[in-house]
Structure formats: structure tokens, C-alpha cells
Amino acid sequence: MTGRTLVLIGFAALAIAGVLAELTARRHPQRFTTLGETLHLLQRSRMLRILTILVWAWLGWHFLAR
């Protein structure tokens, strides 16, 4: 198995985990927040917006850049 295949399997596993987390949040709204609600909470203040952008950029740089 090549490294590329492992990376693709990893991304597929993350996508499936994200879908399952969203479905769980929609099934139990009193216990979990959906992705949309979480992003809305992160956008409430300027500092959290800046932090969100910096974390997103860091993740992109470290995991998606070649």
C-alpha cells in the first residue's frame, strides 16, 4: 500500500467521522451541537474569528500543502 493510498483512506475516514458526528448531533440536539452551530459560536467575537482563520490556515499548511 502506497503512502498516497493511506492518505486517501485517512481523509475518507475523517469525512465519514464528520458525517457521523453531524448525524449524531442532529439526533441528540440537547447534548451536541451541529457543525453549523459550532461555526456560528466561533464567529461571535472578532478574536474567535481570527483564531478560527489561523487554525484553518495552519491545518491547511501542514496537512494539505505539498
PDB file of N, CA and C in Angstrom:
ATOM      1  N   MET A   1       0.844  -1.162   0.000  1.00  0.00           N
ATOM      2  CA  MET A   1       0.000   0.000   0.000  1.00  0.00           C
ATOM      3  C   MET A   1       0.900   1.239   0.000  1.00  0.00           C
ATOM      4  N   THR A   2       0.624   2.161  -0.899  1.00  0.00           N
ATOM      5  CA  THR A   2       1.453   3.355  -1.017  1.00  0.00           C
ATOM      6  C   THR A   2       1.038   4.414  -0.007  1.00  0.00           C
ATOM      7  N   GLY A   3       1.889   5.393   0.153  1.00  0.00           N
ATOM      8  CA  GLY A   3       1.589   6.489   1.060  1.00  0.00           C
ATOM      9  C   GLY A   3       0.368   7.285   0.621  1.00  0.00           C
ATOM     10  N   ARG A   4       0.221   7.448  -0.687  1.00  0.00           N
ATOM     11  CA  ARG A   4      -0.931   8.183  -1.222  1.00  0.00           C
ATOM     12  C   ARG A   4      -2.235   7.480  -0.870  1.00  0.00           C
ATOM     13  N   THR A   5      -2.226   6.165  -0.963  1.00  0.00           N
ATOM     14  CA  THR A   5      -3.417   5.389  -0.633  1.00  0.00           C
ATOM     15  C   THR A   5      -3.772   5.553   0.846  1.00  0.00           C
ATOM     16  N   LEU A   6      -2.763   5.542   1.696  1.00  0.00           N
ATOM     17  CA  LEU A   6      -3.010   5.721   3.125  1.00  0.00           C
ATOM     18  C   LEU A   6      -3.600   7.103   3.424  1.00  0.00           C
ATOM     19  N   VAL A   7      -3.090   8.108   2.738  1.00  0.00           N
ATOM     20  CA  VAL A   7      -3.602   9.461   2.934  1.00  0.00           C
ATOM     21  C   VAL A   7      -5.057   9.537   2.489  1.00  0.00           C
ATOM     22  N   LEU A   8      -5.371   8.956   1.353  1.00  0.00           N
ATOM     23  CA  LEU A   8      -6.752   8.961   0.869  1.00  0.00           C
ATOM     24  C   LEU A   8      -7.683   8.209   1.810  1.00  0.00           C
ATOM     25  N   ILE A   9      -7.226   7.097   2.339  1.00  0.00           N
ATOM     26  CA  ILE A   9      -8.026   6.351   3.313  1.00  0.00           C
ATOM     27  C   ILE A   9      -8.234   7.194   4.571  1.00  0.00           C
ATOM     28  N   GLY A  10      -7.191   7.894   4.995  1.00  0.00           N
ATOM     29  CA  GLY A  10      -7.304   8.763   6.168  1.00  0.00           C
ATOM     30  C   GLY A  10      -8.319   9.879   5.963  1.00  0.00           C
ATOM     31  N   PHE A  11      -8.273  10.535   4.790  1.00  0.00           N
ATOM     32  CA  PHE A  11      -9.235  11.591   4.505  1.00  0.00           C
ATOM     33  C   PHE A  11     -10.654  11.035   4.419  1.00  0.00           C
ATOM     34  N   ALA A  12     -10.807   9.856   3.838  1.00  0.00           N
ATOM     35  CA  ALA A  12     -12.130   9.231   3.773  1.00  0.00           C
ATOM     36  C   ALA A  12     -12.640   8.916   5.177  1.00  0.00           C
ATOM     37  N   ALA A  13     -11.760   8.443   6.042  1.00  0.00           N
ATOM     38  CA  ALA A  13     -12.154   8.142   7.424  1.00  0.00           C
ATOM     39  C   ALA A  13     -12.569   9.424   8.155  1.00  0.00           C
ATOM     40  N   LEU A  14     -11.835  10.519   7.927  1.00  0.00           N
ATOM     41  CA  LEU A  14     -12.207  11.799   8.543  1.00  0.00           C
ATOM     42  C   LEU A  14     -13.554  12.294   8.033  1.00  0.00           C
ATOM     43  N   ALA A  15     -13.800  12.137   6.741  1.00  0.00           N
ATOM     44  CA  ALA A  15     -15.080  12.556   6.174  1.00  0.00           C
ATOM     45  C   ALA A  15     -16.226  11.738   6.764  1.00  0.00           C
ATOM     46  N   ILE A  16     -16.032  10.438   6.878  1.00  0.00           N
ATOM     47  CA  ILE A  16     -17.067   9.572   7.451  1.00  0.00           C
ATOM     48  C   ILE A  16     -17.294   9.933   8.916  1.00  0.00           C
ATOM     49  N   ALA A  17     -16.222  10.186   9.655  1.00  0.00           N
ATOM     50  CA  ALA A  17     -16.357  10.579  11.061  1.00  0.00           C
ATOM     51  C   ALA A  17     -17.107  11.908  11.180  1.00  0.00           C
ATOM     52  N   GLY A  18     -16.844  12.827  10.281  1.00  0.00           N
ATOM     53  CA  GLY A  18     -17.556  14.104  10.299  1.00  0.00           C
ATOM     54  C   GLY A  18     -19.041  13.950  10.026  1.00  0.00           C
ATOM     55  N   VAL A  19     -19.375  13.111   9.062  1.00  0.00           N
ATOM     56  CA  VAL A  19     -20.786  12.861   8.748  1.00  0.00           C
ATOM     57  C   VAL A  19     -21.472  12.184   9.931  1.00  0.00           C
ATOM     58  N   LEU A  20     -20.811  11.216  10.535  1.00  0.00           N
ATOM     59  CA  LEU A  20     -21.394  10.534  11.691  1.00  0.00           C
ATOM     60  C   LEU A  20     -21.570  11.490  12.874  1.00  0.00           C
ATOM     61  N   ALA A  21     -20.601  12.374  13.088  1.00  0.00           N
ATOM     62  CA  ALA A  21     -20.722  13.356  14.169  1.00  0.00           C
ATOM     63  C   ALA A  21     -21.895  14.300  13.916  1.00  0.00           C
ATOM     64  N   GLU A  22     -22.065  14.726  12.674  1.00  0.00           N
ATOM     65  CA  GLU A  22     -23.184  15.615  12.337  1.00  0.00           C
ATOM     66  C   GLU A  22     -24.523  14.907  12.525  1.00  0.00           C
ATOM     67  N   LEU A  23     -24.600  13.663  12.092  1.00  0.00           N
ATOM     68  CA  LEU A  23     -25.844  12.906  12.268  1.00  0.00           C
ATOM     69  C   LEU A  23     -26.156  12.687  13.748  1.00  0.00           C
ATOM     70  N   THR A  24     -25.134  12.410  14.543  1.00  0.00           N
ATOM     71  CA  THR A  24     -25.333  12.251  15.981  1.00  0.00           C
ATOM     72  C   THR A  24     -25.807  13.557  16.608  1.00  0.00           C
ATOM     73  N   ALA A  25     -25.234  14.674  16.196  1.00  0.00           N
ATOM     74  CA  ALA A  25     -25.633  15.972  16.729  1.00  0.00           C
ATOM     75  C   ALA A  25     -27.070  16.300  16.364  1.00  0.00           C
ATOM     76  N   ARG A  26     -27.482  15.929  15.176  1.00  0.00           N
ATOM     77  CA  ARG A  26     -28.866  16.195  14.765  1.00  0.00           C
ATOM     78  C   ARG A  26     -29.849  15.263  15.467  1.00  0.00           C
ATOM     79  N   ARG A  27     -29.388  14.081  15.814  1.00  0.00           N
ATOM     80  CA  ARG A  27     -30.266  13.130  16.504  1.00  0.00           C
ATOM     81  C   ARG A  27     -30.425  13.483  17.986  1.00  0.00           C
ATOM     82  N   HIS A  28     -29.378  14.032  18.593  1.00  0.00           N
ATOM     83  CA  HIS A  28     -29.386  14.406  20.010  1.00  0.00           C
ATOM     84  C   HIS A  28     -29.023  15.889  20.164  1.00  0.00           C
ATOM     85  N   PRO A  29     -29.920  16.793  19.757  1.00  0.00           N
ATOM     86  CA  PRO A  29     -29.568  18.223  19.771  1.00  0.00           C
ATOM     87  C   PRO A  29     -29.385  18.790  21.178  1.00  0.00           C
ATOM     88  N   GLN A  30     -29.924  18.143  22.187  1.00  0.00           N
ATOM     89  CA  GLN A  30     -29.767  18.649  23.545  1.00  0.00           C
ATOM     90  C   GLN A  30     -28.380  18.340  24.105  1.00  0.00           C
ATOM     91  N   ARG A  31     -27.665  17.389  23.524  1.00  0.00           N
ATOM     92  CA  ARG A  31     -26.343  17.006  24.034  1.00  0.00           C
ATOM     93  C   ARG A  31     -25.189  17.511  23.181  1.00  0.00           C
ATOM     94  N   PHE A  32     -25.386  17.636  21.860  1.00  0.00           N
ATOM     95  CA  PHE A  32     -24.309  18.000  20.941  1.00  0.00           C
ATOM     96  C   PHE A  32     -24.749  19.153  20.041  1.00  0.00           C
ATOM     97  N   THR A  33     -23.768  19.932  19.584  1.00  0.00           N
ATOM     98  CA  THR A  33     -24.071  20.988  18.622  1.00  0.00           C
ATOM     99  C   THR A  33     -23.674  20.514  17.223  1.00  0.00           C
ATOM    100  N   THR A  34     -24.405  20.999  16.239  1.00  0.00           N
ATOM    101  CA  THR A  34     -24.079  20.663  14.852  1.00  0.00           C
ATOM    102  C   THR A  34     -22.874  21.485  14.408  1.00  0.00           C
ATOM    103  N   LEU A  35     -22.328  21.140  13.259  1.00  0.00           N
ATOM    104  CA  LEU A  35     -21.191  21.882  12.730  1.00  0.00           C
ATOM    105  C   LEU A  35     -21.560  23.343  12.480  1.00  0.00           C
ATOM    106  N   GLY A  36     -22.729  23.572  11.939  1.00  0.00           N
ATOM    107  CA  GLY A  36     -23.182  24.940  11.691  1.00  0.00           C
ATOM    108  C   GLY A  36     -23.305  25.758  12.965  1.00  0.00           C
ATOM    109  N   GLU A  37     -23.862  25.153  14.026  1.00  0.00           N
ATOM    110  CA  GLU A  37     -23.977  25.847  15.304  1.00  0.00           C
ATOM    111  C   GLU A  37     -22.603  26.138  15.908  1.00  0.00           C
ATOM    112  N   THR A  38     -21.691  25.190  15.764  1.00  0.00           N
ATOM    113  CA  THR A  38     -20.344  25.380  16.284  1.00  0.00           C
ATOM    114  C   THR A  38     -19.641  26.520  15.554  1.00  0.00           C
ATOM    115  N   LEU A  39     -19.743  26.545  14.231  1.00  0.00           N
ATOM    116  CA  LEU A  39     -19.132  27.631  13.465  1.00  0.00           C
ATOM    117  C   LEU A  39     -19.770  28.975  13.805  1.00  0.00           C
ATOM    118  N   HIS A  40     -21.078  28.977  14.032  1.00  0.00           N
ATOM    119  CA  HIS A  40     -21.762  30.209  14.426  1.00  0.00           C
ATOM    120  C   HIS A  40     -21.210  30.710  15.766  1.00  0.00           C
ATOM    121  N   LEU A  41     -21.008  29.810  16.709  1.00  0.00           N
ATOM    122  CA  LEU A  41     -20.447  30.209  18.003  1.00  0.00           C
ATOM    123  C   LEU A  41     -19.023  30.742  17.854  1.00  0.00           C
ATOM    124  N   LEU A  42     -18.246  30.147  16.945  1.00  0.00           N
ATOM    125  CA  LEU A  42     -16.870  30.606  16.732  1.00  0.00           C
ATOM    126  C   LEU A  42     -16.813  31.976  16.062  1.00  0.00           C
ATOM    127  N   GLN A  43     -17.883  32.381  15.405  1.00  0.00           N
ATOM    128  CA  GLN A  43     -17.888  33.657  14.692  1.00  0.00           C
ATOM    129  C   GLN A  43     -18.489  34.797  15.508  1.00  0.00           C
ATOM    130  N   ARG A  44     -18.792  34.556  16.767  1.00  0.00           N
ATOM    131  CA  ARG A  44     -19.464  35.567  17.575  1.00  0.00           C
ATOM    132  C   ARG A  44     -18.559  36.736  17.950  1.00  0.00           C
ATOM    133  N   SER A  45     -17.299  36.486  18.162  1.00  0.00           N
ATOM    134  CA  SER A  45     -16.407  37.596  18.517  1.00  0.00           C
ATOM    135  C   SER A  45     -15.266  37.689  17.505  1.00  0.00           C
ATOM    136  N   ARG A  46     -14.678  38.857  17.437  1.00  0.00           N
ATOM    137  CA  ARG A  46     -13.596  39.080  16.476  1.00  0.00           C
ATOM    138  C   ARG A  46     -12.387  38.195  16.773  1.00  0.00           C
ATOM    139  N   MET A  47     -12.052  38.036  18.042  1.00  0.00           N
ATOM    140  CA  MET A  47     -10.898  37.231  18.421  1.00  0.00           C
ATOM    141  C   MET A  47     -11.099  35.767  18.011  1.00  0.00           C
ATOM    142  N   LEU A  48     -12.287  35.245  18.214  1.00  0.00           N
ATOM    143  CA  LEU A  48     -12.547  33.865  17.810  1.00  0.00           C
ATOM    144  C   LEU A  48     -12.530  33.704  16.291  1.00  0.00           C
ATOM    145  N   ARG A  49     -12.988  34.718  15.561  1.00  0.00           N
ATOM    146  CA  ARG A  49     -12.914  34.663  14.092  1.00  0.00           C
ATOM    147  C   ARG A  49     -11.466  34.607  13.634  1.00  0.00           C
ATOM    148  N   ILE A  50     -10.623  35.444  14.222  1.00  0.00           N
ATOM    149  CA  ILE A  50      -9.200  35.459  13.855  1.00  0.00           C
ATOM    150  C   ILE A  50      -8.553  34.126  14.210  1.00  0.00           C
ATOM    151  N   LEU A  51      -8.855  33.611  15.400  1.00  0.00           N
ATOM    152  CA  LEU A  51      -8.308  32.326  15.820  1.00  0.00           C
ATOM    153  C   LEU A  51      -8.767  31.202  14.893  1.00  0.00           C
ATOM    154  N   THR A  52     -10.027  31.225  14.478  1.00  0.00           N
ATOM    155  CA  THR A  52     -10.545  30.214  13.563  1.00  0.00           C
ATOM    156  C   THR A  52      -9.788  30.245  12.237  1.00  0.00           C
ATOM    157  N   ILE A  53      -9.560  31.432  11.711  1.00  0.00           N
ATOM    158  CA  ILE A  53      -8.836  31.564  10.441  1.00  0.00           C
ATOM    159  C   ILE A  53      -7.399  31.083  10.589  1.00  0.00           C
ATOM    160  N   LEU A  54      -6.746  31.439  11.698  1.00  0.00           N
ATOM    161  CA  LEU A  54      -5.362  30.999  11.911  1.00  0.00           C
ATOM    162  C   LEU A  54      -5.259  29.483  12.049  1.00  0.00           C
ATOM    163  N   VAL A  55      -6.170  28.871  12.774  1.00  0.00           N
ATOM    164  CA  VAL A  55      -6.162  27.408  12.917  1.00  0.00           C
ATOM    165  C   VAL A  55      -6.423  26.749  11.570  1.00  0.00           C
ATOM    166  N   TRP A  56      -7.386  27.290  10.816  1.00  0.00           N
ATOM    167  CA  TRP A  56      -7.702  26.731   9.498  1.00  0.00           C
ATOM    168  C   TRP A  56      -6.493  26.842   8.571  1.00  0.00           C
ATOM    169  N   ALA A  57      -5.807  27.977   8.604  1.00  0.00           N
ATOM    170  CA  ALA A  57      -4.619  28.162   7.760  1.00  0.00           C
ATOM    171  C   ALA A  57      -3.501  27.214   8.186  1.00  0.00           C
ATOM    172  N   TRP A  58      -3.317  27.051   9.491  1.00  0.00           N
ATOM    173  CA  TRP A  58      -2.277  26.140   9.980  1.00  0.00           C
ATOM    174  C   TRP A  58      -2.559  24.712   9.537  1.00  0.00           C
ATOM    175  N   LEU A  59      -3.805  24.280   9.674  1.00  0.00           N
ATOM    176  CA  LEU A  59      -4.161  22.917   9.250  1.00  0.00           C
ATOM    177  C   LEU A  59      -3.934  22.741   7.751  1.00  0.00           C
ATOM    178  N   GLY A  60      -4.341  23.726   6.977  1.00  0.00           N
ATOM    179  CA  GLY A  60      -4.148  23.640   5.536  1.00  0.00           C
ATOM    180  C   GLY A  60      -2.679  23.592   5.162  1.00  0.00           C
ATOM    181  N   TRP A  61      -1.880  24.414   5.810  1.00  0.00           N
ATOM    182  CA  TRP A  61      -0.450  24.446   5.505  1.00  0.00           C
ATOM    183  C   TRP A  61       0.221  23.124   5.856  1.00  0.00           C
ATOM    184  N   HIS A  62      -0.113  22.542   6.993  1.00  0.00           N
ATOM    185  CA  HIS A  62       0.581  21.360   7.466  1.00  0.00           C
ATOM    186  C   HIS A  62       0.054  20.050   6.877  1.00  0.00           C
ATOM    187  N   PHE A  63      -1.197  20.025   6.481  1.00  0.00           N
ATOM    188  CA  PHE A  63      -1.760  18.761   6.008  1.00  0.00           C
ATOM    189  C   PHE A  63      -2.097  18.748   4.524  1.00  0.00           C
ATOM    190  N   LEU A  64      -2.253  19.913   3.900  1.00  0.00           N
ATOM    191  CA  LEU A  64      -2.656  19.923   2.502  1.00  0.00           C
ATOM    192  C   LEU A  64      -1.572  20.424   1.556  1.00  0.00           C
ATOM    193  N   ALA A  65      -0.586  21.154   2.075  1.00  0.00           N
ATOM    194  CA  ALA A  65       0.491  21.667   1.218  1.00  0.00           C
ATOM    195  C   ALA A  65       1.449  20.525   0.860  1.00  0.00           C
ATOM    196  N   ARG A  66       1.948  20.585  -0.330  1.00  0.00           N
ATOM    197  CA  ARG A  66       2.872  19.525  -0.768  1.00  0.00           C
ATOM    198  C   ARG A  66       4.285  19.996  -0.605  1.00  0.00           C
TER     199      ARG A  66
END
